[in-house]
Amino acid sequence: MKIIKPIVLLAVAASLSGCLGEKTNKTIDRGFDSKDLSQLKAGVWIDPNGCDHWIIDDGVEGYLSQRLDKFGKPVCSGAGPSSSTVGDFKSGSAFPDPI
């Protein structure tokens, strides 16, 4: 039984070592016209519940994240009707939208 414990610990350590790999910066667009996402304009998509989500479309890739207040709660601003978008979320890209 004492021999099994070190083997189990070694197996767990080896399996977790893959989680410590290189981190990817998610704030940089790595597509055809790659640039920092701060150079693109975000719009707002209103979900079916009426809450806001930031949306960016650079022609090939799209980005979406829930809009939260400083306490981490969803923002439901009423900026538009449910399931619609508000703002020029397709501007800032030189790559044409293929669709």
PDB file of N, CA and C in Angstrom:
ATOM      1  N   MET A   1       0.816  -1.199   0.000  1.00  0.00           N
ATOM      2  CA  MET A   1       0.000   0.000   0.000  1.00  0.00           C
ATOM      3  C   MET A   1       0.863   1.266   0.000  1.00  0.00           C
ATOM      4  N   LYS A   2       2.006   1.234   0.691  1.00  0.00           N
ATOM      5  CA  LYS A   2       2.881   2.402   0.746  1.00  0.00           C
ATOM      6  C   LYS A   2       3.523   2.689  -0.606  1.00  0.00           C
ATOM      7  N   ILE A   3       3.701   1.700  -1.433  1.00  0.00           N
ATOM      8  CA  ILE A   3       4.295   1.880  -2.758  1.00  0.00           C
ATOM      9  C   ILE A   3       3.301   2.527  -3.706  1.00  0.00           C
ATOM     10  N   ILE A   4       2.043   2.242  -3.546  1.00  0.00           N
ATOM     11  CA  ILE A   4       1.007   2.776  -4.441  1.00  0.00           C
ATOM     12  C   ILE A   4       0.851   4.284  -4.274  1.00  0.00           C
ATOM     13  N   LYS A   5       0.932   4.801  -3.073  1.00  0.00           N
ATOM     14  CA  LYS A   5       0.727   6.228  -2.833  1.00  0.00           C
ATOM     15  C   LYS A   5       1.689   7.116  -3.626  1.00  0.00           C
ATOM     16  N   PRO A   6       3.015   6.854  -3.614  1.00  0.00           N
ATOM     17  CA  PRO A   6       3.912   7.698  -4.419  1.00  0.00           C
ATOM     18  C   PRO A   6       3.627   7.593  -5.913  1.00  0.00           C
ATOM     19  N   ILE A   7       3.229   6.426  -6.375  1.00  0.00           N
ATOM     20  CA  ILE A   7       2.916   6.262  -7.794  1.00  0.00           C
ATOM     21  C   ILE A   7       1.672   7.069  -8.159  1.00  0.00           C
ATOM     22  N   VAL A   8       0.667   7.038  -7.285  1.00  0.00           N
ATOM     23  CA  VAL A   8      -0.553   7.810  -7.528  1.00  0.00           C
ATOM     24  C   VAL A   8      -0.236   9.303  -7.519  1.00  0.00           C
ATOM     25  N   LEU A   9       0.558   9.751  -6.555  1.00  0.00           N
ATOM     26  CA  LEU A   9       0.939  11.166  -6.491  1.00  0.00           C
ATOM     27  C   LEU A   9       1.718  11.589  -7.729  1.00  0.00           C
ATOM     28  N   LEU A  10       2.602  10.731  -8.194  1.00  0.00           N
ATOM     29  CA  LEU A  10       3.373  11.031  -9.402  1.00  0.00           C
ATOM     30  C   LEU A  10       2.462  11.113 -10.623  1.00  0.00           C
ATOM     31  N   ALA A  11       1.491  10.234 -10.724  1.00  0.00           N
ATOM     32  CA  ALA A  11       0.554  10.256 -11.847  1.00  0.00           C
ATOM     33  C   ALA A  11      -0.310  11.520 -11.824  1.00  0.00           C
ATOM     34  N   VAL A  12      -0.767  11.911 -10.643  1.00  0.00           N
ATOM     35  CA  VAL A  12      -1.576  13.135 -10.521  1.00  0.00           C
ATOM     36  C   VAL A  12      -0.737  14.354 -10.889  1.00  0.00           C
ATOM     37  N   ALA A  13       0.490  14.417 -10.403  1.00  0.00           N
ATOM     38  CA  ALA A  13       1.370  15.557 -10.721  1.00  0.00           C
ATOM     39  C   ALA A  13       1.648  15.631 -12.217  1.00  0.00           C
ATOM     40  N   ALA A  14       1.883  14.493 -12.845  1.00  0.00           N
ATOM     41  CA  ALA A  14       2.147  14.486 -14.283  1.00  0.00           C
ATOM     42  C   ALA A  14       0.928  14.922 -15.076  1.00  0.00           C
ATOM     43  N   SER A  15      -0.268  14.526 -14.643  1.00  0.00           N
ATOM     44  CA  SER A  15      -1.474  14.908 -15.381  1.00  0.00           C
ATOM     45  C   SER A  15      -1.782  16.389 -15.223  1.00  0.00           C
ATOM     46  N   LEU A  16      -1.458  16.972 -14.072  1.00  0.00           N
ATOM     47  CA  LEU A  16      -1.714  18.395 -13.851  1.00  0.00           C
ATOM     48  C   LEU A  16      -0.660  19.288 -14.494  1.00  0.00           C
ATOM     49  N   SER A  17       0.492  18.746 -14.826  1.00  0.00           N
ATOM     50  CA  SER A  17       1.546  19.574 -15.411  1.00  0.00           C
ATOM     51  C   SER A  17       1.125  20.151 -16.758  1.00  0.00           C
ATOM     52  N   GLY A  18       0.218  19.510 -17.466  1.00  0.00           N
ATOM     53  CA  GLY A  18      -0.288  20.036 -18.730  1.00  0.00           C
ATOM     54  C   GLY A  18      -1.108  21.299 -18.546  1.00  0.00           C
ATOM     55  N   CYS A  19      -1.656  21.516 -17.357  1.00  0.00           N
ATOM     56  CA  CYS A  19      -2.461  22.708 -17.078  1.00  0.00           C
ATOM     57  C   CYS A  19      -1.602  23.946 -16.888  1.00  0.00           C
ATOM     58  N   LEU A  20      -0.335  23.772 -16.712  1.00  0.00           N
ATOM     59  CA  LEU A  20       0.560  24.896 -16.452  1.00  0.00           C
ATOM     60  C   LEU A  20       1.239  25.401 -17.717  1.00  0.00           C
ATOM     61  N   GLY A  21       0.705  25.066 -18.876  1.00  0.00           N
ATOM     62  CA  GLY A  21       1.312  25.459 -20.142  1.00  0.00           C
ATOM     63  C   GLY A  21       1.236  26.956 -20.388  1.00  0.00           C
ATOM     64  N   GLU A  22       1.636  27.348 -21.579  1.00  0.00           N
ATOM     65  CA  GLU A  22       1.678  28.751 -21.966  1.00  0.00           C
ATOM     66  C   GLU A  22       0.279  29.358 -21.986  1.00  0.00           C
ATOM     67  N   LYS A  23       0.147  30.526 -21.407  1.00  0.00           N
ATOM     68  CA  LYS A  23      -1.129  31.245 -21.376  1.00  0.00           C
ATOM     69  C   LYS A  23      -1.278  32.043 -22.670  1.00  0.00           C
ATOM     70  N   THR A  24      -2.504  32.137 -23.199  1.00  0.00           N
ATOM     71  CA  THR A  24      -2.773  32.890 -24.419  1.00  0.00           C
ATOM     72  C   THR A  24      -3.458  34.192 -24.050  1.00  0.00           C
ATOM     73  N   ASN A  25      -2.979  35.295 -24.603  1.00  0.00           N
ATOM     74  CA  ASN A  25      -3.584  36.598 -24.375  1.00  0.00           C
ATOM     75  C   ASN A  25      -4.882  36.680 -25.164  1.00  0.00           C
ATOM     76  N   LYS A  26      -6.019  36.728 -24.483  1.00  0.00           N
ATOM     77  CA  LYS A  26      -7.329  36.725 -25.131  1.00  0.00           C
ATOM     78  C   LYS A  26      -7.769  38.118 -25.583  1.00  0.00           C
ATOM     79  N   THR A  27      -6.965  39.149 -25.333  1.00  0.00           N
ATOM     80  CA  THR A  27      -7.338  40.506 -25.739  1.00  0.00           C
ATOM     81  C   THR A  27      -6.798  40.875 -27.105  1.00  0.00           C
ATOM     82  N   ILE A  28      -6.120  39.942 -27.778  1.00  0.00           N
ATOM     83  CA  ILE A  28      -5.539  40.220 -29.089  1.00  0.00           C
ATOM     84  C   ILE A  28      -6.203  39.345 -30.138  1.00  0.00           C
ATOM     85  N   ASP A  29      -6.651  39.967 -31.203  1.00  0.00           N
ATOM     86  CA  ASP A  29      -7.231  39.259 -32.340  1.00  0.00           C
ATOM     87  C   ASP A  29      -6.091  38.598 -33.105  1.00  0.00           C
ATOM     88  N   ARG A  30      -6.190  37.306 -33.362  1.00  0.00           N
ATOM     89  CA  ARG A  30      -5.128  36.593 -34.062  1.00  0.00           C
ATOM     90  C   ARG A  30      -5.565  36.166 -35.456  1.00  0.00           C
ATOM     91  N   GLY A  31      -6.563  36.846 -36.009  1.00  0.00           N
ATOM     92  CA  GLY A  31      -7.099  36.493 -37.315  1.00  0.00           C
ATOM     93  C   GLY A  31      -6.353  37.133 -38.465  1.00  0.00           C
ATOM     94  N   PHE A  32      -7.027  37.276 -39.618  1.00  0.00           N
ATOM     95  CA  PHE A  32      -6.418  37.779 -40.846  1.00  0.00           C
ATOM     96  C   PHE A  32      -5.920  39.218 -40.717  1.00  0.00           C
ATOM     97  N   ASP A  33      -6.684  40.062 -40.070  1.00  0.00           N
ATOM     98  CA  ASP A  33      -6.267  41.458 -39.882  1.00  0.00           C
ATOM     99  C   ASP A  33      -6.034  41.707 -38.392  1.00  0.00           C
ATOM    100  N   SER A  34      -5.193  40.879 -37.788  1.00  0.00           N
ATOM    101  CA  SER A  34      -5.033  40.865 -36.338  1.00  0.00           C
ATOM    102  C   SER A  34      -4.611  42.222 -35.787  1.00  0.00           C
ATOM    103  N   LYS A  35      -5.224  42.557 -34.676  1.00  0.00           N
ATOM    104  CA  LYS A  35      -4.955  43.794 -33.951  1.00  0.00           C
ATOM    105  C   LYS A  35      -5.503  43.649 -32.542  1.00  0.00           C
ATOM    106  N   ASP A  36      -5.158  44.574 -31.681  1.00  0.00           N
ATOM    107  CA  ASP A  36      -5.691  44.571 -30.329  1.00  0.00           C
ATOM    108  C   ASP A  36      -7.195  44.850 -30.396  1.00  0.00           C
ATOM    109  N   LEU A  37      -7.976  44.142 -29.603  1.00  0.00           N
ATOM    110  CA  LEU A  37      -9.436  44.301 -29.651  1.00  0.00           C
ATOM    111  C   LEU A  37      -9.894  45.704 -29.265  1.00  0.00           C
ATOM    112  N   SER A  38      -9.050  46.467 -28.563  1.00  0.00           N
ATOM    113  CA  SER A  38      -9.425  47.831 -28.196  1.00  0.00           C
ATOM    114  C   SER A  38      -9.517  48.740 -29.429  1.00  0.00           C
ATOM    115  N   GLN A  39      -8.975  48.300 -30.571  1.00  0.00           N
ATOM    116  CA  GLN A  39      -9.058  49.088 -31.803  1.00  0.00           C
ATOM    117  C   GLN A  39     -10.359  48.840 -32.561  1.00  0.00           C
ATOM    118  N   LEU A  40     -11.133  47.868 -32.141  1.00  0.00           N
ATOM    119  CA  LEU A  40     -12.421  47.572 -32.778  1.00  0.00           C
ATOM    120  C   LEU A  40     -13.546  48.175 -31.952  1.00  0.00           C
ATOM    121  N   LYS A  41     -14.683  48.438 -32.586  1.00  0.00           N
ATOM    122  CA  LYS A  41     -15.817  49.023 -31.878  1.00  0.00           C
ATOM    123  C   LYS A  41     -16.767  47.926 -31.429  1.00  0.00           C
ATOM    124  N   ALA A  42     -17.223  48.055 -30.207  1.00  0.00           N
ATOM    125  CA  ALA A  42     -18.168  47.088 -29.657  1.00  0.00           C
ATOM    126  C   ALA A  42     -19.581  47.654 -29.736  1.00  0.00           C
ATOM    127  N   GLY A  43     -20.512  46.768 -29.972  1.00  0.00           N
ATOM    128  CA  GLY A  43     -21.923  47.105 -29.887  1.00  0.00           C
ATOM    129  C   GLY A  43     -22.526  46.323 -28.736  1.00  0.00           C
ATOM    130  N   VAL A  44     -23.830  46.374 -28.622  1.00  0.00           N
ATOM    131  CA  VAL A  44     -24.519  45.648 -27.562  1.00  0.00           C
ATOM    132  C   VAL A  44     -25.566  44.742 -28.194  1.00  0.00           C
ATOM    133  N   TRP A  45     -25.522  43.479 -27.821  1.00  0.00           N
ATOM    134  CA  TRP A  45     -26.574  42.540 -28.199  1.00  0.00           C
ATOM    135  C   TRP A  45     -27.436  42.336 -26.968  1.00  0.00           C
ATOM    136  N   ILE A  46     -28.750  42.449 -27.134  1.00  0.00           N
ATOM    137  CA  ILE A  46     -29.686  42.261 -26.032  1.00  0.00           C
ATOM    138  C   ILE A  46     -30.235  40.840 -26.131  1.00  0.00           C
ATOM    139  N   ASP A  47     -30.000  40.041 -25.103  1.00  0.00           N
ATOM    140  CA  ASP A  47     -30.436  38.645 -25.130  1.00  0.00           C
ATOM    141  C   ASP A  47     -31.952  38.546 -24.930  1.00  0.00           C
ATOM    142  N   PRO A  48     -32.528  37.360 -25.083  1.00  0.00           N
ATOM    143  CA  PRO A  48     -33.987  37.207 -24.934  1.00  0.00           C
ATOM    144  C   PRO A  48     -34.520  37.616 -23.562  1.00  0.00           C
ATOM    145  N   ASN A  49     -33.649  37.655 -22.545  1.00  0.00           N
ATOM    146  CA  ASN A  49     -34.070  38.090 -21.205  1.00  0.00           C
ATOM    147  C   ASN A  49     -33.966  39.599 -21.032  1.00  0.00           C
ATOM    148  N   GLY A  50     -33.456  40.317 -22.053  1.00  0.00           N
ATOM    149  CA  GLY A  50     -33.329  41.766 -21.980  1.00  0.00           C
ATOM    150  C   GLY A  50     -32.010  42.258 -21.408  1.00  0.00           C
ATOM    151  N   CYS A  51     -31.031  41.360 -21.217  1.00  0.00           N
ATOM    152  CA  CYS A  51     -29.743  41.763 -20.648  1.00  0.00           C
ATOM    153  C   CYS A  51     -28.707  41.970 -21.752  1.00  0.00           C
ATOM    154  N   ASP A  52     -27.742  42.854 -21.470  1.00  0.00           N
ATOM    155  CA  ASP A  52     -26.766  43.301 -22.469  1.00  0.00           C
ATOM    156  C   ASP A  52     -25.541  42.395 -22.537  1.00  0.00           C
ATOM    157  N   HIS A  53     -25.001  42.286 -23.755  1.00  0.00           N
ATOM    158  CA  HIS A  53     -23.751  41.573 -23.998  1.00  0.00           C
ATOM    159  C   HIS A  53     -22.934  42.423 -24.967  1.00  0.00           C
ATOM    160  N   TRP A  54     -21.634  42.609 -24.678  1.00  0.00           N
ATOM    161  CA  TRP A  54     -20.753  43.306 -25.615  1.00  0.00           C
ATOM    162  C   TRP A  54     -20.528  42.386 -26.810  1.00  0.00           C
ATOM    163  N   ILE A  55     -20.556  42.956 -28.024  1.00  0.00           N
ATOM    164  CA  ILE A  55     -20.373  42.172 -29.236  1.00  0.00           C
ATOM    165  C   ILE A  55     -19.450  42.921 -30.192  1.00  0.00           C
ATOM    166  N   ILE A  56     -18.500  42.186 -30.790  1.00  0.00           N
ATOM    167  CA  ILE A  56     -17.595  42.728 -31.810  1.00  0.00           C
ATOM    168  C   ILE A  56     -17.560  41.731 -32.960  1.00  0.00           C
ATOM    169  N   ASP A  57     -17.665  42.227 -34.184  1.00  0.00           N
ATOM    170  CA  ASP A  57     -17.560  41.376 -35.368  1.00  0.00           C
ATOM    171  C   ASP A  57     -16.493  41.981 -36.266  1.00  0.00           C
ATOM    172  N   ASP A  58     -15.380  41.244 -36.473  1.00  0.00           N
ATOM    173  CA  ASP A  58     -14.320  41.794 -37.317  1.00  0.00           C
ATOM    174  C   ASP A  58     -14.316  41.184 -38.708  1.00  0.00           C
ATOM    175  N   GLY A  59     -15.412  40.578 -39.122  1.00  0.00           N
ATOM    176  CA  GLY A  59     -15.523  40.056 -40.472  1.00  0.00           C
ATOM    177  C   GLY A  59     -15.416  38.553 -40.542  1.00  0.00           C
ATOM    178  N   VAL A  60     -14.496  37.964 -39.808  1.00  0.00           N
ATOM    179  CA  VAL A  60     -14.322  36.514 -39.798  1.00  0.00           C
ATOM    180  C   VAL A  60     -14.629  35.962 -38.416  1.00  0.00           C
ATOM    181  N   GLU A  61     -14.122  36.634 -37.403  1.00  0.00           N
ATOM    182  CA  GLU A  61     -14.320  36.193 -36.037  1.00  0.00           C
ATOM    183  C   GLU A  61     -15.293  37.114 -35.333  1.00  0.00           C
ATOM    184  N   GLY A  62     -15.911  36.601 -34.318  1.00  0.00           N
ATOM    185  CA  GLY A  62     -16.803  37.409 -33.508  1.00  0.00           C
ATOM    186  C   GLY A  62     -16.460  37.242 -32.043  1.00  0.00           C
ATOM    187  N   TYR A  63     -16.736  38.258 -31.270  1.00  0.00           N
ATOM    188  CA  TYR A  63     -16.443  38.247 -29.848  1.00  0.00           C
ATOM    189  C   TYR A  63     -17.699  38.666 -29.105  1.00  0.00           C
ATOM    190  N   LEU A  64     -17.985  37.989 -27.995  1.00  0.00           N
ATOM    191  CA  LEU A  64     -19.179  38.265 -27.213  1.00  0.00           C
ATOM    192  C   LEU A  64     -18.855  38.062 -25.748  1.00  0.00           C
ATOM    193  N   SER A  65     -19.221  38.993 -24.912  1.00  0.00           N
ATOM    194  CA  SER A  65     -19.089  38.798 -23.467  1.00  0.00           C
ATOM    195  C   SER A  65     -20.234  39.532 -22.781  1.00  0.00           C
ATOM    196  N   GLN A  66     -20.670  38.965 -21.684  1.00  0.00           N
ATOM    197  CA  GLN A  66     -21.789  39.554 -20.963  1.00  0.00           C
ATOM    198  C   GLN A  66     -21.372  40.883 -20.351  1.00  0.00           C
ATOM    199  N   ARG A  67     -22.252  41.860 -20.420  1.00  0.00           N
ATOM    200  CA  ARG A  67     -21.990  43.168 -19.823  1.00  0.00           C
ATOM    201  C   ARG A  67     -22.374  43.088 -18.346  1.00  0.00           C
ATOM    202  N   LEU A  68     -21.405  43.376 -17.478  1.00  0.00           N
ATOM    203  CA  LEU A  68     -21.616  43.265 -16.038  1.00  0.00           C
ATOM    204  C   LEU A  68     -21.355  44.595 -15.352  1.00  0.00           C
ATOM    205  N   ASP A  69     -22.044  44.826 -14.230  1.00  0.00           N
ATOM    206  CA  ASP A  69     -21.776  46.033 -13.446  1.00  0.00           C
ATOM    207  C   ASP A  69     -20.564  45.780 -12.544  1.00  0.00           C
ATOM    208  N   LYS A  70     -20.205  46.756 -11.731  1.00  0.00           N
ATOM    209  CA  LYS A  70     -18.995  46.629 -10.914  1.00  0.00           C
ATOM    210  C   LYS A  70     -19.107  45.550  -9.837  1.00  0.00           C
ATOM    211  N   PHE A  71     -20.314  45.065  -9.589  1.00  0.00           N
ATOM    212  CA  PHE A  71     -20.519  43.999  -8.614  1.00  0.00           C
ATOM    213  C   PHE A  71     -20.624  42.622  -9.268  1.00  0.00           C
ATOM    214  N   GLY A  72     -20.478  42.573 -10.623  1.00  0.00           N
ATOM    215  CA  GLY A  72     -20.536  41.303 -11.342  1.00  0.00           C
ATOM    216  C   GLY A  72     -21.936  40.856 -11.707  1.00  0.00           C
ATOM    217  N   LYS A  73     -22.908  41.741 -11.575  1.00  0.00           N
ATOM    218  CA  LYS A  73     -24.289  41.395 -11.921  1.00  0.00           C
ATOM    219  C   LYS A  73     -24.586  41.839 -13.351  1.00  0.00           C
ATOM    220  N   PRO A  74     -25.457  41.112 -14.071  1.00  0.00           N
ATOM    221  CA  PRO A  74     -25.783  41.467 -15.456  1.00  0.00           C
ATOM    222  C   PRO A  74     -26.405  42.859 -15.573  1.00  0.00           C
ATOM    223  N   VAL A  75     -26.044  43.559 -16.642  1.00  0.00           N
ATOM    224  CA  VAL A  75     -26.641  44.858 -16.948  1.00  0.00           C
ATOM    225  C   VAL A  75     -27.772  44.619 -17.939  1.00  0.00           C
ATOM    226  N   CYS A  76     -28.959  45.086 -17.612  1.00  0.00           N
ATOM    227  CA  CYS A  76     -30.128  44.966 -18.480  1.00  0.00           C
ATOM    228  C   CYS A  76     -30.642  46.390 -18.697  1.00  0.00           C
ATOM    229  N   SER A  77     -30.027  47.109 -19.642  1.00  0.00           N
ATOM    230  CA  SER A  77     -30.233  48.553 -19.778  1.00  0.00           C
ATOM    231  C   SER A  77     -31.505  48.941 -20.513  1.00  0.00           C
ATOM    232  N   GLY A  78     -32.071  48.040 -21.300  1.00  0.00           N
ATOM    233  CA  GLY A  78     -33.232  48.409 -22.103  1.00  0.00           C
ATOM    234  C   GLY A  78     -32.843  49.221 -23.326  1.00  0.00           C
ATOM    235  N   ALA A  79     -31.587  49.085 -23.792  1.00  0.00           N
ATOM    236  CA  ALA A  79     -31.079  49.851 -24.931  1.00  0.00           C
ATOM    237  C   ALA A  79     -31.783  49.490 -26.240  1.00  0.00           C
ATOM    238  N   GLY A  80     -32.462  48.365 -26.274  1.00  0.00           N
ATOM    239  CA  GLY A  80     -33.163  47.928 -27.477  1.00  0.00           C
ATOM    240  C   GLY A  80     -34.060  46.751 -27.154  1.00  0.00           C
ATOM    241  N   PRO A  81     -34.810  46.298 -28.154  1.00  0.00           N
ATOM    242  CA  PRO A  81     -35.682  45.150 -27.917  1.00  0.00           C
ATOM    243  C   PRO A  81     -34.876  43.852 -27.765  1.00  0.00           C
ATOM    244  N   SER A  82     -35.475  42.860 -27.131  1.00  0.00           N
ATOM    245  CA  SER A  82     -34.821  41.559 -26.952  1.00  0.00           C
ATOM    246  C   SER A  82     -34.391  40.976 -28.293  1.00  0.00           C
ATOM    247  N   SER A  83     -33.275  40.259 -28.275  1.00  0.00           N
ATOM    248  CA  SER A  83     -32.705  39.583 -29.451  1.00  0.00           C
ATOM    249  C   SER A  83     -32.346  40.548 -30.585  1.00  0.00           C
ATOM    250  N   SER A  84     -31.906  41.749 -30.233  1.00  0.00           N
ATOM    251  CA  SER A  84     -31.477  42.721 -31.244  1.00  0.00           C
ATOM    252  C   SER A  84     -30.092  43.250 -30.879  1.00  0.00           C
ATOM    253  N   THR A  85     -29.487  43.988 -31.810  1.00  0.00           N
ATOM    254  CA  THR A  85     -28.188  44.604 -31.556  1.00  0.00           C
ATOM    255  C   THR A  85     -28.301  46.116 -31.666  1.00  0.00           C
ATOM    256  N   VAL A  86     -27.442  46.799 -30.925  1.00  0.00           N
ATOM    257  CA  VAL A  86     -27.387  48.254 -30.933  1.00  0.00           C
ATOM    258  C   VAL A  86     -25.925  48.652 -31.090  1.00  0.00           C
ATOM    259  N   GLY A  87     -25.635  49.565 -31.981  1.00  0.00           N
ATOM    260  CA  GLY A  87     -24.272  50.052 -32.141  1.00  0.00           C
ATOM    261  C   GLY A  87     -23.605  49.524 -33.397  1.00  0.00           C
ATOM    262  N   ASP A  88     -22.469  50.150 -33.735  1.00  0.00           N
ATOM    263  CA  ASP A  88     -21.720  49.827 -34.948  1.00  0.00           C
ATOM    264  C   ASP A  88     -20.641  48.804 -34.620  1.00  0.00           C
ATOM    265  N   PHE A  89     -21.050  47.571 -34.292  1.00  0.00           N
ATOM    266  CA  PHE A  89     -20.119  46.544 -33.842  1.00  0.00           C
ATOM    267  C   PHE A  89     -19.302  45.913 -34.958  1.00  0.00           C
ATOM    268  N   LYS A  90     -19.537  46.293 -36.228  1.00  0.00           N
ATOM    269  CA  LYS A  90     -18.758  45.745 -37.342  1.00  0.00           C
ATOM    270  C   LYS A  90     -17.693  46.719 -37.832  1.00  0.00           C
ATOM    271  N   SER A  91     -17.529  47.865 -37.182  1.00  0.00           N
ATOM    272  CA  SER A  91     -16.544  48.832 -37.670  1.00  0.00           C
ATOM    273  C   SER A  91     -15.184  48.581 -37.037  1.00  0.00           C
ATOM    274  N   GLY A  92     -14.150  49.036 -37.695  1.00  0.00           N
ATOM    275  CA  GLY A  92     -12.793  48.891 -37.208  1.00  0.00           C
ATOM    276  C   GLY A  92     -12.026  47.781 -37.876  1.00  0.00           C
ATOM    277  N   SER A  93     -12.664  47.045 -38.779  1.00  0.00           N
ATOM    278  CA  SER A  93     -11.998  45.954 -39.477  1.00  0.00           C
ATOM    279  C   SER A  93     -11.871  46.274 -40.953  1.00  0.00           C
ATOM    280  N   ALA A  94     -10.730  45.926 -41.531  1.00  0.00           N
ATOM    281  CA  ALA A  94     -10.530  46.119 -42.959  1.00  0.00           C
ATOM    282  C   ALA A  94     -10.951  44.872 -43.755  1.00  0.00           C
ATOM    283  N   PHE A  95     -11.251  43.791 -43.043  1.00  0.00           N
ATOM    284  CA  PHE A  95     -11.607  42.528 -43.686  1.00  0.00           C
ATOM    285  C   PHE A  95     -13.114  42.492 -43.905  1.00  0.00           C
ATOM    286  N   PRO A  96     -13.584  42.265 -45.139  1.00  0.00           N
ATOM    287  CA  PRO A  96     -15.021  42.255 -45.408  1.00  0.00           C
ATOM    288  C   PRO A  96     -15.698  41.035 -44.779  1.00  0.00           C
ATOM    289  N   ASP A  97     -16.947  41.200 -44.404  1.00  0.00           N
ATOM    290  CA  ASP A  97     -17.723  40.111 -43.839  1.00  0.00           C
ATOM    291  C   ASP A  97     -18.068  39.120 -44.961  1.00  0.00           C
ATOM    292  N   PRO A  98     -17.646  37.845 -44.849  1.00  0.00           N
ATOM    293  CA  PRO A  98     -17.881  36.882 -45.939  1.00  0.00           C
ATOM    294  C   PRO A  98     -19.329  36.433 -46.063  1.00  0.00           C
ATOM    295  N   ILE A  99     -20.165  36.756 -45.099  1.00  0.00           N
ATOM    296  CA  ILE A  99     -21.567  36.301 -45.131  1.00  0.00           C
ATOM    297  C   ILE A  99     -22.488  37.410 -45.572  1.00  0.00           C
TER     298      ILE A  99
END
